[in-house]
């Protein structure tokens, strides 16, 4: 498959492939500063910032991984399930293209990009070594712990788009299932990646 991306090449011998997925109604350019900053912090990281494969249907520009028009708790899972095979194919395509294994792969998402990353791991445990998920959620909480993928969640406590309770519920459920999971939150932060939460992700990246 064809993947539209911006890449930040490793400055040292490549050790990690970091696939970075944006939120709904955004472009890869919106997440490019995150890819650049991560690449600068960890020179062995090959950071690839990808575009959603569909045009946003919400009335203005940008891309989406799945439609949120008239989305409900009841139909969200079906929409994600329909979009997921293409998302997983994208991950595998980039792994093959750049010569990285699943154990060398990290998925970093924001909002809808986090949703897709979490659901990809739920469907295919071990497709990546870690998920660094900002301001996202599961469509439905998992019933089994991922055994080969660590889940690290980052969420503003003032998030008005995807409330932090989704991250808390995911953390508690995964912890109870025996998963490798962490949750970092910050007071007063809405639906965004703050410097503090990004710094937390940098620490989790190599932990």
N, C-alpha and C. Protein backbone atom coordinates (compact mmCIF):
# COMPACT_ATOMS: atom_id res chain seq x y z
N UNK A 1 0.84 -1.19 0.00
CA UNK A 1 0.00 0.00 0.00
C UNK A 1 0.88 1.25 0.00
N UNK A 2 0.33 2.35 -0.46
CA UNK A 2 1.06 3.62 -0.48
C UNK A 2 0.79 4.36 0.82
N UNK A 3 1.86 4.87 1.44
CA UNK A 3 1.74 5.59 2.71
C UNK A 3 2.30 7.00 2.52
N UNK A 4 1.52 8.00 2.91
CA UNK A 4 1.95 9.39 2.82
C UNK A 4 2.55 9.78 4.17
N UNK A 5 3.81 10.18 4.19
CA UNK A 5 4.46 10.42 5.47
C UNK A 5 5.56 11.48 5.37
N UNK A 6 5.93 11.98 6.54
CA UNK A 6 7.12 12.81 6.73
C UNK A 6 8.05 11.99 7.61
N UNK A 7 9.33 11.93 7.27
CA UNK A 7 10.24 11.13 8.09
C UNK A 7 11.39 11.97 8.62
N UNK A 8 11.82 11.56 9.80
CA UNK A 8 13.01 12.14 10.43
C UNK A 8 14.00 10.99 10.61
N UNK A 9 15.04 11.03 9.82
CA UNK A 9 15.98 9.92 9.76
C UNK A 9 16.82 9.84 11.02
N UNK A 10 17.17 8.63 11.43
CA UNK A 10 18.03 8.48 12.61
C UNK A 10 19.40 9.08 12.38
N UNK A 11 19.92 9.73 13.39
CA UNK A 11 21.23 10.35 13.31
C UNK A 11 22.33 9.37 13.70
N UNK A 12 21.95 8.34 14.45
CA UNK A 12 22.87 7.26 14.82
C UNK A 12 22.36 5.98 14.16
N UNK A 13 22.94 4.85 14.51
CA UNK A 13 22.45 3.57 14.03
C UNK A 13 21.00 3.39 14.46
N UNK A 14 20.13 3.11 13.52
CA UNK A 14 18.71 3.04 13.80
C UNK A 14 18.38 1.88 14.74
N UNK A 15 17.62 2.18 15.79
CA UNK A 15 17.19 1.17 16.73
C UNK A 15 15.66 1.07 16.83
N UNK A 16 14.97 2.17 16.54
CA UNK A 16 13.53 2.20 16.69
C UNK A 16 12.86 2.79 15.45
N UNK A 17 11.73 2.24 15.09
CA UNK A 17 10.83 2.86 14.13
C UNK A 17 9.65 3.41 14.92
N UNK A 18 9.44 4.71 14.86
CA UNK A 18 8.33 5.33 15.58
C UNK A 18 7.32 5.83 14.55
N UNK A 19 6.13 5.23 14.56
CA UNK A 19 5.07 5.61 13.64
C UNK A 19 4.10 6.52 14.38
N UNK A 20 3.95 7.74 13.89
CA UNK A 20 3.22 8.79 14.60
C UNK A 20 1.95 9.12 13.84
N UNK A 21 0.79 8.97 14.51
CA UNK A 21 -0.51 9.13 13.87
C UNK A 21 -1.28 10.30 14.50
N UNK A 22 -1.78 11.19 13.66
CA UNK A 22 -2.46 12.40 14.12
C UNK A 22 -3.91 12.14 14.51
N UNK A 23 -4.55 13.20 15.03
CA UNK A 23 -5.96 13.15 15.38
C UNK A 23 -6.84 13.49 14.19
N UNK A 24 -8.15 13.37 14.38
CA UNK A 24 -9.11 13.61 13.30
C UNK A 24 -9.09 15.08 12.89
N UNK A 25 -9.20 15.31 11.58
CA UNK A 25 -9.22 16.67 11.07
C UNK A 25 -7.86 17.33 11.01
N UNK A 26 -6.80 16.56 11.12
CA UNK A 26 -5.44 17.09 11.09
C UNK A 26 -4.68 16.48 9.92
N UNK A 27 -3.47 16.94 9.75
CA UNK A 27 -2.56 16.41 8.75
C UNK A 27 -1.27 15.94 9.44
N UNK A 28 -0.48 15.22 8.70
CA UNK A 28 0.81 14.78 9.24
C UNK A 28 1.66 15.97 9.67
N UNK A 29 1.52 17.10 9.00
CA UNK A 29 2.30 18.29 9.36
C UNK A 29 2.00 18.77 10.78
N UNK A 30 0.78 18.50 11.28
CA UNK A 30 0.44 18.91 12.63
C UNK A 30 1.21 18.13 13.69
N UNK A 31 1.59 16.90 13.36
CA UNK A 31 2.35 16.07 14.31
C UNK A 31 3.84 16.05 14.00
N UNK A 32 4.24 16.72 12.92
CA UNK A 32 5.65 16.73 12.54
C UNK A 32 6.56 17.25 13.65
N UNK A 33 6.18 18.31 14.40
CA UNK A 33 7.06 18.77 15.48
C UNK A 33 7.32 17.70 16.54
N UNK A 34 6.34 16.82 16.76
CA UNK A 34 6.53 15.73 17.71
C UNK A 34 7.56 14.74 17.18
N UNK A 35 7.46 14.42 15.90
CA UNK A 35 8.44 13.52 15.29
C UNK A 35 9.84 14.10 15.32
N UNK A 36 9.94 15.37 15.02
CA UNK A 36 11.25 16.03 15.01
C UNK A 36 11.85 16.07 16.41
N UNK A 37 11.03 16.40 17.41
CA UNK A 37 11.52 16.49 18.78
C UNK A 37 11.95 15.13 19.31
N UNK A 38 11.18 14.09 18.99
CA UNK A 38 11.54 12.75 19.44
C UNK A 38 12.83 12.28 18.78
N UNK A 39 12.96 12.57 17.50
CA UNK A 39 14.18 12.22 16.75
C UNK A 39 15.40 12.93 17.34
N UNK A 40 15.22 14.18 17.74
CA UNK A 40 16.33 14.93 18.32
C UNK A 40 16.69 14.42 19.71
N UNK A 41 15.67 14.01 20.48
CA UNK A 41 15.92 13.49 21.83
C UNK A 41 16.56 12.12 21.80
N UNK A 42 16.17 11.31 20.80
CA UNK A 42 16.70 9.95 20.66
C UNK A 42 17.18 9.77 19.23
N UNK A 43 18.45 10.08 18.96
CA UNK A 43 18.98 10.05 17.59
C UNK A 43 18.90 8.70 16.90
N UNK A 44 18.66 7.62 17.67
CA UNK A 44 18.54 6.30 17.06
C UNK A 44 17.10 6.01 16.61
N UNK A 45 16.20 6.98 16.77
CA UNK A 45 14.81 6.77 16.39
C UNK A 45 14.56 7.26 14.97
N UNK A 46 14.00 6.40 14.15
CA UNK A 46 13.55 6.74 12.81
C UNK A 46 12.07 7.07 12.92
N UNK A 47 11.73 8.35 12.90
CA UNK A 47 10.36 8.79 13.15
C UNK A 47 9.63 9.04 11.84
N UNK A 48 8.48 8.41 11.69
CA UNK A 48 7.67 8.51 10.48
C UNK A 48 6.29 9.03 10.88
N UNK A 49 5.96 10.23 10.43
CA UNK A 49 4.68 10.86 10.75
C UNK A 49 3.74 10.63 9.57
N UNK A 50 2.65 9.93 9.82
CA UNK A 50 1.79 9.47 8.73
C UNK A 50 0.50 10.29 8.64
N UNK A 51 -0.06 10.31 7.43
CA UNK A 51 -1.35 10.94 7.18
C UNK A 51 -2.47 9.91 7.26
N UNK A 52 -3.60 10.30 7.80
CA UNK A 52 -4.79 9.48 7.70
C UNK A 52 -5.14 9.23 6.25
N UNK A 53 -5.78 8.11 5.96
CA UNK A 53 -5.98 7.73 4.57
C UNK A 53 -7.27 8.22 3.97
N UNK A 54 -8.15 8.85 4.77
CA UNK A 54 -9.38 9.41 4.23
C UNK A 54 -9.45 10.91 4.52
N UNK A 55 -10.08 11.66 3.62
CA UNK A 55 -10.32 13.08 3.87
C UNK A 55 -11.34 13.23 4.99
N UNK A 56 -11.11 14.20 5.86
CA UNK A 56 -12.03 14.45 6.96
C UNK A 56 -13.39 14.88 6.41
N UNK A 57 -14.44 14.24 6.89
CA UNK A 57 -15.78 14.53 6.36
C UNK A 57 -16.58 15.43 7.30
N UNK A 58 -15.86 16.14 8.17
CA UNK A 58 -16.54 16.97 9.17
C UNK A 58 -16.73 18.42 8.79
N UNK A 59 -16.44 18.77 7.53
CA UNK A 59 -16.76 20.11 7.09
C UNK A 59 -15.59 21.06 6.92
N UNK A 60 -14.40 20.62 7.26
CA UNK A 60 -13.20 21.42 6.98
C UNK A 60 -12.06 20.49 6.65
N UNK A 61 -10.88 21.05 6.41
CA UNK A 61 -9.77 20.25 5.90
C UNK A 61 -9.24 19.24 6.90
N UNK A 62 -8.27 18.47 6.43
CA UNK A 62 -7.64 17.48 7.28
C UNK A 62 -7.97 16.07 6.84
N UNK A 63 -7.42 15.12 7.57
CA UNK A 63 -7.59 13.70 7.30
C UNK A 63 -8.23 13.02 8.51
N UNK A 64 -8.69 11.80 8.29
CA UNK A 64 -9.26 11.01 9.38
C UNK A 64 -8.91 9.55 9.18
N UNK A 65 -8.92 8.83 10.29
CA UNK A 65 -8.73 7.38 10.24
C UNK A 65 -10.08 6.68 10.14
N UNK A 66 -11.11 7.29 10.74
CA UNK A 66 -12.48 6.83 10.56
C UNK A 66 -13.40 8.02 10.79
N UNK A 67 -14.61 7.94 10.27
CA UNK A 67 -15.54 9.05 10.35
C UNK A 67 -16.12 9.19 11.76
N UNK A 68 -16.22 10.45 12.22
CA UNK A 68 -16.87 10.71 13.50
C UNK A 68 -18.23 11.38 13.28
N UNK A 69 -18.67 11.51 12.04
CA UNK A 69 -20.00 12.07 11.77
C UNK A 69 -21.07 11.15 12.34
N UNK A 70 -21.87 11.69 13.25
CA UNK A 70 -22.92 10.91 13.93
C UNK A 70 -22.38 9.69 14.65
N UNK A 71 -21.14 9.78 15.14
CA UNK A 71 -20.56 8.64 15.86
C UNK A 71 -21.21 8.51 17.23
N UNK A 72 -21.41 7.28 17.67
CA UNK A 72 -21.98 6.98 18.98
C UNK A 72 -21.16 5.88 19.64
N UNK A 73 -21.43 5.66 20.91
CA UNK A 73 -20.76 4.55 21.60
C UNK A 73 -21.11 3.22 20.93
N UNK A 74 -22.28 3.15 20.33
CA UNK A 74 -22.73 1.91 19.73
C UNK A 74 -22.06 1.63 18.38
N UNK A 75 -21.83 2.69 17.57
CA UNK A 75 -21.29 2.44 16.23
C UNK A 75 -19.80 2.71 16.09
N UNK A 76 -19.16 3.23 17.15
CA UNK A 76 -17.73 3.56 17.06
C UNK A 76 -16.89 2.30 16.79
N UNK A 77 -17.18 1.23 17.49
CA UNK A 77 -16.39 -0.01 17.33
C UNK A 77 -16.46 -0.54 15.90
N UNK A 78 -17.65 -0.47 15.31
CA UNK A 78 -17.82 -0.96 13.93
C UNK A 78 -17.00 -0.13 12.96
N UNK A 79 -16.98 1.18 13.17
CA UNK A 79 -16.21 2.06 12.27
C UNK A 79 -14.71 1.80 12.40
N UNK A 80 -14.27 1.60 13.62
CA UNK A 80 -12.85 1.33 13.83
C UNK A 80 -12.48 -0.02 13.24
N UNK A 81 -13.33 -1.01 13.45
CA UNK A 81 -13.06 -2.35 12.90
C UNK A 81 -12.94 -2.30 11.39
N UNK A 82 -13.73 -1.45 10.75
CA UNK A 82 -13.67 -1.32 9.30
C UNK A 82 -12.37 -0.66 8.84
N UNK A 83 -11.88 0.29 9.64
CA UNK A 83 -10.66 1.04 9.28
C UNK A 83 -9.38 0.32 9.69
N UNK A 84 -9.50 -0.61 10.64
CA UNK A 84 -8.31 -1.19 11.25
C UNK A 84 -7.41 -1.99 10.30
N UNK A 85 -7.95 -2.81 9.40
CA UNK A 85 -7.06 -3.57 8.51
C UNK A 85 -6.11 -2.68 7.72
N UNK A 86 -6.58 -1.54 7.26
CA UNK A 86 -5.72 -0.64 6.50
C UNK A 86 -4.65 -0.02 7.40
N UNK A 87 -5.02 0.28 8.64
CA UNK A 87 -4.06 0.84 9.58
C UNK A 87 -2.97 -0.18 9.89
N UNK A 88 -3.36 -1.43 10.10
CA UNK A 88 -2.39 -2.49 10.38
C UNK A 88 -1.51 -2.74 9.15
N UNK A 89 -2.10 -2.71 7.96
CA UNK A 89 -1.31 -2.86 6.74
C UNK A 89 -0.28 -1.74 6.62
N UNK A 90 -0.67 -0.53 7.02
CA UNK A 90 0.26 0.60 6.98
C UNK A 90 1.46 0.35 7.90
N UNK A 91 1.19 -0.14 9.09
CA UNK A 91 2.28 -0.43 10.03
C UNK A 91 3.23 -1.47 9.43
N UNK A 92 2.66 -2.55 8.91
CA UNK A 92 3.48 -3.62 8.34
C UNK A 92 4.25 -3.15 7.12
N UNK A 93 3.63 -2.30 6.32
CA UNK A 93 4.30 -1.76 5.13
C UNK A 93 5.53 -0.94 5.53
N UNK A 94 5.38 -0.10 6.54
CA UNK A 94 6.51 0.73 6.98
C UNK A 94 7.59 -0.11 7.64
N UNK A 95 7.21 -1.12 8.40
CA UNK A 95 8.20 -2.01 9.00
C UNK A 95 9.04 -2.69 7.92
N UNK A 96 8.36 -3.18 6.91
CA UNK A 96 9.07 -3.85 5.81
C UNK A 96 9.92 -2.87 5.01
N UNK A 97 9.35 -1.71 4.72
CA UNK A 97 10.05 -0.71 3.90
C UNK A 97 11.35 -0.24 4.55
N UNK A 98 11.32 -0.04 5.86
CA UNK A 98 12.49 0.49 6.55
C UNK A 98 13.31 -0.56 7.28
N UNK A 99 12.86 -1.80 7.25
CA UNK A 99 13.65 -2.90 7.80
C UNK A 99 13.66 -2.99 9.31
N UNK A 100 12.50 -2.75 9.93
CA UNK A 100 12.39 -2.86 11.39
C UNK A 100 11.46 -4.00 11.75
N UNK A 101 11.76 -4.65 12.86
CA UNK A 101 10.89 -5.70 13.37
C UNK A 101 9.78 -5.09 14.22
N UNK A 102 8.81 -5.92 14.57
CA UNK A 102 7.75 -5.46 15.46
C UNK A 102 8.32 -5.03 16.81
N UNK A 103 9.34 -5.74 17.29
CA UNK A 103 9.94 -5.41 18.59
C UNK A 103 10.71 -4.09 18.55
N UNK A 104 11.00 -3.60 17.36
CA UNK A 104 11.70 -2.32 17.21
C UNK A 104 10.73 -1.17 16.90
N UNK A 105 9.44 -1.47 16.91
CA UNK A 105 8.44 -0.50 16.49
C UNK A 105 7.71 0.10 17.68
N UNK A 106 7.49 1.41 17.64
CA UNK A 106 6.71 2.13 18.64
C UNK A 106 5.60 2.89 17.90
N UNK A 107 4.38 2.79 18.40
CA UNK A 107 3.27 3.55 17.85
C UNK A 107 2.99 4.74 18.76
N UNK A 108 3.02 5.93 18.19
CA UNK A 108 2.72 7.15 18.96
C UNK A 108 1.52 7.81 18.31
N UNK A 109 0.47 8.01 19.09
CA UNK A 109 -0.74 8.58 18.54
C UNK A 109 -1.26 9.73 19.37
N UNK A 110 -2.05 10.58 18.71
CA UNK A 110 -2.80 11.63 19.39
C UNK A 110 -4.27 11.48 19.03
N UNK A 111 -5.13 11.45 20.05
CA UNK A 111 -6.57 11.42 19.86
C UNK A 111 -6.98 10.22 18.99
N UNK A 112 -7.51 10.45 17.78
CA UNK A 112 -7.91 9.33 16.93
C UNK A 112 -6.73 8.45 16.55
N UNK A 113 -5.54 9.05 16.44
CA UNK A 113 -4.34 8.27 16.19
C UNK A 113 -4.04 7.32 17.33
N UNK A 114 -4.34 7.74 18.55
CA UNK A 114 -4.18 6.86 19.72
C UNK A 114 -5.22 5.74 19.69
N UNK A 115 -6.45 6.10 19.36
CA UNK A 115 -7.51 5.09 19.28
C UNK A 115 -7.09 3.97 18.32
N UNK A 116 -6.62 4.36 17.15
CA UNK A 116 -6.23 3.35 16.15
C UNK A 116 -5.04 2.53 16.63
N UNK A 117 -4.10 3.16 17.29
CA UNK A 117 -2.92 2.45 17.78
C UNK A 117 -3.30 1.44 18.86
N UNK A 118 -4.15 1.85 19.79
CA UNK A 118 -4.59 0.94 20.85
C UNK A 118 -5.38 -0.22 20.28
N UNK A 119 -6.27 0.07 19.33
CA UNK A 119 -7.08 -0.99 18.75
C UNK A 119 -6.25 -1.92 17.87
N UNK A 120 -5.20 -1.38 17.25
CA UNK A 120 -4.31 -2.23 16.45
C UNK A 120 -3.61 -3.26 17.33
N UNK A 121 -3.17 -2.82 18.49
CA UNK A 121 -2.49 -3.74 19.41
C UNK A 121 -3.48 -4.73 20.00
N UNK A 122 -4.71 -4.28 20.25
CA UNK A 122 -5.73 -5.20 20.77
C UNK A 122 -6.02 -6.31 19.76
N UNK A 123 -5.99 -5.94 18.48
CA UNK A 123 -6.25 -6.92 17.43
C UNK A 123 -5.02 -7.75 17.07
N UNK A 124 -3.84 -7.18 17.31
CA UNK A 124 -2.59 -7.83 16.87
C UNK A 124 -1.54 -7.56 17.93
N UNK A 125 -1.63 -8.27 19.06
CA UNK A 125 -0.66 -8.11 20.14
C UNK A 125 0.75 -8.35 19.60
N UNK A 126 1.65 -7.41 19.89
CA UNK A 126 3.03 -7.56 19.47
C UNK A 126 3.34 -6.91 18.14
N UNK A 127 2.36 -6.26 17.49
CA UNK A 127 2.67 -5.57 16.24
C UNK A 127 3.62 -4.41 16.49
N UNK A 128 3.68 -3.96 17.74
CA UNK A 128 4.65 -2.96 18.17
C UNK A 128 5.07 -3.27 19.59
N UNK A 129 6.25 -2.80 19.96
CA UNK A 129 6.74 -3.04 21.32
C UNK A 129 6.03 -2.15 22.33
N UNK A 130 5.66 -0.94 21.88
CA UNK A 130 5.05 0.03 22.78
C UNK A 130 4.03 0.88 22.03
N UNK A 131 3.05 1.35 22.79
CA UNK A 131 2.16 2.41 22.35
C UNK A 131 2.35 3.59 23.28
N UNK A 132 2.61 4.76 22.71
CA UNK A 132 2.62 6.02 23.45
C UNK A 132 1.37 6.77 23.00
N UNK A 133 0.33 6.75 23.84
CA UNK A 133 -0.97 7.24 23.42
C UNK A 133 -1.39 8.51 24.14
N UNK A 134 -1.51 9.60 23.40
CA UNK A 134 -1.94 10.88 23.96
C UNK A 134 -3.43 11.10 23.70
N UNK A 135 -4.14 11.48 24.75
CA UNK A 135 -5.51 12.01 24.63
C UNK A 135 -6.43 11.09 23.83
N UNK A 136 -6.33 9.80 24.09
CA UNK A 136 -7.13 8.84 23.33
C UNK A 136 -7.97 7.95 24.22
N UNK A 137 -8.41 6.85 23.65
CA UNK A 137 -9.28 5.90 24.36
C UNK A 137 -9.37 4.60 23.57
N UNK A 138 -9.88 3.58 24.20
CA UNK A 138 -10.31 2.37 23.50
C UNK A 138 -11.75 2.57 23.05
N UNK A 139 -12.11 1.95 21.94
CA UNK A 139 -13.53 1.90 21.57
C UNK A 139 -14.27 1.09 22.63
N UNK A 140 -13.69 -0.06 22.96
CA UNK A 140 -14.17 -0.88 24.07
C UNK A 140 -12.95 -1.39 24.80
N UNK A 141 -13.00 -1.38 26.12
CA UNK A 141 -11.86 -1.82 26.90
C UNK A 141 -11.53 -3.28 26.60
N UNK A 142 -10.25 -3.61 26.60
CA UNK A 142 -9.85 -4.99 26.26
C UNK A 142 -10.23 -5.97 27.36
N UNK A 143 -10.39 -7.22 26.98
CA UNK A 143 -10.67 -8.29 27.93
C UNK A 143 -9.43 -9.11 28.24
N UNK A 144 -8.37 -8.89 27.46
CA UNK A 144 -7.10 -9.58 27.67
C UNK A 144 -5.97 -8.56 27.67
N UNK A 145 -4.95 -8.83 28.45
CA UNK A 145 -3.79 -7.94 28.49
C UNK A 145 -2.87 -8.23 27.31
N UNK A 146 -2.36 -7.19 26.66
CA UNK A 146 -1.33 -7.45 25.65
C UNK A 146 -0.09 -8.02 26.34
N UNK A 147 0.43 -9.10 25.80
CA UNK A 147 1.58 -9.76 26.42
C UNK A 147 2.90 -9.30 25.83
N UNK A 148 2.85 -8.71 24.62
CA UNK A 148 4.09 -8.33 23.94
C UNK A 148 4.20 -6.82 23.69
N UNK A 149 3.21 -6.06 24.13
CA UNK A 149 3.20 -4.63 23.88
C UNK A 149 2.93 -3.88 25.19
N UNK A 150 3.76 -2.91 25.49
CA UNK A 150 3.54 -2.04 26.65
C UNK A 150 2.67 -0.86 26.23
N UNK A 151 1.75 -0.46 27.10
CA UNK A 151 0.82 0.63 26.81
C UNK A 151 1.12 1.79 27.76
N UNK A 152 1.46 2.94 27.20
CA UNK A 152 1.73 4.14 27.99
C UNK A 152 0.76 5.24 27.56
N UNK A 153 -0.03 5.73 28.50
CA UNK A 153 -1.09 6.69 28.23
C UNK A 153 -0.75 8.05 28.83
N UNK A 154 -1.12 9.11 28.11
CA UNK A 154 -0.84 10.49 28.53
C UNK A 154 -2.10 11.31 28.26
N UNK A 155 -2.57 12.03 29.29
CA UNK A 155 -3.88 12.67 29.13
C UNK A 155 -3.98 13.91 30.01
N UNK A 156 -4.51 14.99 29.42
CA UNK A 156 -4.81 16.19 30.20
C UNK A 156 -6.08 15.99 31.01
N UNK A 157 -6.04 16.43 32.27
CA UNK A 157 -7.20 16.23 33.13
C UNK A 157 -8.38 17.13 32.77
N UNK A 158 -8.13 18.17 31.96
CA UNK A 158 -9.20 19.07 31.55
C UNK A 158 -9.66 18.79 30.12
N UNK A 159 -9.36 17.61 29.60
CA UNK A 159 -9.71 17.27 28.22
C UNK A 159 -11.22 17.29 28.05
N UNK A 160 -11.70 18.16 27.19
CA UNK A 160 -13.14 18.29 26.94
C UNK A 160 -13.61 17.49 25.73
N UNK A 161 -12.68 16.88 24.99
CA UNK A 161 -13.01 16.10 23.80
C UNK A 161 -13.09 14.62 24.14
N UNK A 162 -12.04 14.09 24.72
CA UNK A 162 -12.02 12.71 25.22
C UNK A 162 -11.66 12.80 26.70
N UNK A 163 -12.63 12.74 27.58
CA UNK A 163 -12.37 12.93 29.01
C UNK A 163 -11.31 11.98 29.55
N UNK A 164 -10.56 12.49 30.52
CA UNK A 164 -9.46 11.72 31.10
C UNK A 164 -9.95 10.41 31.73
N UNK A 165 -11.23 10.34 32.09
CA UNK A 165 -11.75 9.12 32.70
C UNK A 165 -11.55 7.91 31.80
N UNK A 166 -11.57 8.12 30.48
CA UNK A 166 -11.31 7.01 29.55
C UNK A 166 -9.91 6.43 29.76
N UNK A 167 -8.94 7.32 29.97
CA UNK A 167 -7.56 6.87 30.20
C UNK A 167 -7.44 6.18 31.55
N UNK A 168 -8.13 6.72 32.55
CA UNK A 168 -8.10 6.12 33.89
C UNK A 168 -8.71 4.72 33.84
N UNK A 169 -9.84 4.61 33.17
CA UNK A 169 -10.51 3.30 33.07
C UNK A 169 -9.62 2.30 32.33
N UNK A 170 -8.97 2.75 31.26
CA UNK A 170 -8.10 1.86 30.49
C UNK A 170 -6.92 1.41 31.35
N UNK A 171 -6.32 2.35 32.06
CA UNK A 171 -5.18 2.02 32.91
C UNK A 171 -5.58 0.99 33.97
N UNK A 172 -6.70 1.23 34.64
CA UNK A 172 -7.12 0.33 35.71
C UNK A 172 -7.46 -1.06 35.17
N UNK A 173 -8.12 -1.09 34.00
CA UNK A 173 -8.48 -2.38 33.41
C UNK A 173 -7.23 -3.15 32.99
N UNK A 174 -6.32 -2.47 32.30
CA UNK A 174 -5.10 -3.13 31.84
C UNK A 174 -4.23 -3.58 33.02
N UNK A 175 -4.15 -2.73 34.03
CA UNK A 175 -3.36 -3.09 35.23
C UNK A 175 -3.94 -4.34 35.87
N UNK A 176 -5.27 -4.39 35.98
CA UNK A 176 -5.92 -5.55 36.56
C UNK A 176 -5.72 -6.82 35.76
N UNK A 177 -5.53 -6.67 34.45
CA UNK A 177 -5.31 -7.82 33.57
C UNK A 177 -3.85 -8.26 33.55
N UNK A 178 -2.98 -7.46 34.18
CA UNK A 178 -1.57 -7.82 34.24
C UNK A 178 -0.73 -7.25 33.12
N UNK A 179 -1.23 -6.23 32.44
CA UNK A 179 -0.48 -5.63 31.33
C UNK A 179 0.64 -4.74 31.85
N UNK A 180 1.60 -4.49 30.98
CA UNK A 180 2.60 -3.45 31.24
C UNK A 180 1.97 -2.14 30.80
N UNK A 181 1.62 -1.28 31.74
CA UNK A 181 0.86 -0.08 31.43
C UNK A 181 1.23 1.04 32.39
N UNK A 182 1.16 2.27 31.89
CA UNK A 182 1.37 3.43 32.74
C UNK A 182 0.41 4.52 32.32
N UNK A 183 0.17 5.47 33.22
CA UNK A 183 -0.69 6.62 32.93
C UNK A 183 -0.07 7.86 33.54
N UNK A 184 0.16 8.86 32.70
CA UNK A 184 0.63 10.18 33.15
C UNK A 184 -0.43 11.21 32.80
N UNK A 185 -0.80 12.04 33.76
CA UNK A 185 -1.81 13.06 33.54
C UNK A 185 -1.28 14.41 33.99
N UNK A 186 -1.98 15.47 33.58
CA UNK A 186 -1.58 16.81 33.98
C UNK A 186 -2.82 17.67 34.20
N UNK A 187 -2.86 18.37 35.33
CA UNK A 187 -3.96 19.26 35.63
C UNK A 187 -4.03 20.41 34.63
N UNK A 188 -5.26 20.84 34.31
CA UNK A 188 -5.46 22.04 33.52
C UNK A 188 -5.19 21.92 32.04
N UNK A 189 -4.82 20.74 31.57
CA UNK A 189 -4.50 20.54 30.15
C UNK A 189 -5.72 19.98 29.44
N UNK A 190 -6.11 20.63 28.33
CA UNK A 190 -7.24 20.18 27.52
C UNK A 190 -6.76 19.14 26.51
N UNK A 191 -7.36 19.08 25.37
CA UNK A 191 -7.10 18.05 24.36
C UNK A 191 -5.87 18.43 23.55
N UNK A 192 -4.70 18.18 24.14
CA UNK A 192 -3.45 18.60 23.50
C UNK A 192 -2.28 17.84 24.11
N UNK A 193 -1.12 17.98 23.46
CA UNK A 193 0.12 17.39 23.97
C UNK A 193 0.93 18.52 24.61
N UNK A 194 0.94 18.57 25.92
CA UNK A 194 1.70 19.59 26.62
C UNK A 194 3.18 19.20 26.68
N UNK A 195 4.01 20.16 27.02
CA UNK A 195 5.44 19.86 27.15
C UNK A 195 5.67 18.83 28.24
N UNK A 196 4.95 18.94 29.36
CA UNK A 196 5.12 17.99 30.45
C UNK A 196 4.75 16.57 30.01
N UNK A 197 3.60 16.43 29.33
CA UNK A 197 3.19 15.10 28.91
C UNK A 197 4.14 14.53 27.85
N UNK A 198 4.66 15.41 26.98
CA UNK A 198 5.64 14.94 26.00
C UNK A 198 6.92 14.48 26.70
N UNK A 199 7.35 15.21 27.71
CA UNK A 199 8.53 14.81 28.48
C UNK A 199 8.30 13.46 29.17
N UNK A 200 7.08 13.24 29.65
CA UNK A 200 6.75 11.94 30.24
C UNK A 200 6.89 10.84 29.20
N UNK A 201 6.44 11.12 27.98
CA UNK A 201 6.54 10.12 26.92
C UNK A 201 7.98 9.82 26.56
N UNK A 202 8.83 10.83 26.58
CA UNK A 202 10.25 10.60 26.32
C UNK A 202 10.84 9.63 27.34
N UNK A 203 10.43 9.77 28.59
CA UNK A 203 10.94 8.87 29.63
C UNK A 203 10.42 7.45 29.43
N UNK A 204 9.14 7.34 29.04
CA UNK A 204 8.55 6.02 28.84
C UNK A 204 9.12 5.34 27.58
N UNK A 205 9.59 6.16 26.66
CA UNK A 205 10.05 5.64 25.36
C UNK A 205 11.15 4.60 25.52
N UNK A 206 12.07 4.84 26.41
CA UNK A 206 13.18 3.90 26.58
C UNK A 206 13.12 3.13 27.90
N UNK A 207 12.00 3.24 28.62
CA UNK A 207 11.89 2.52 29.90
C UNK A 207 11.56 1.05 29.67
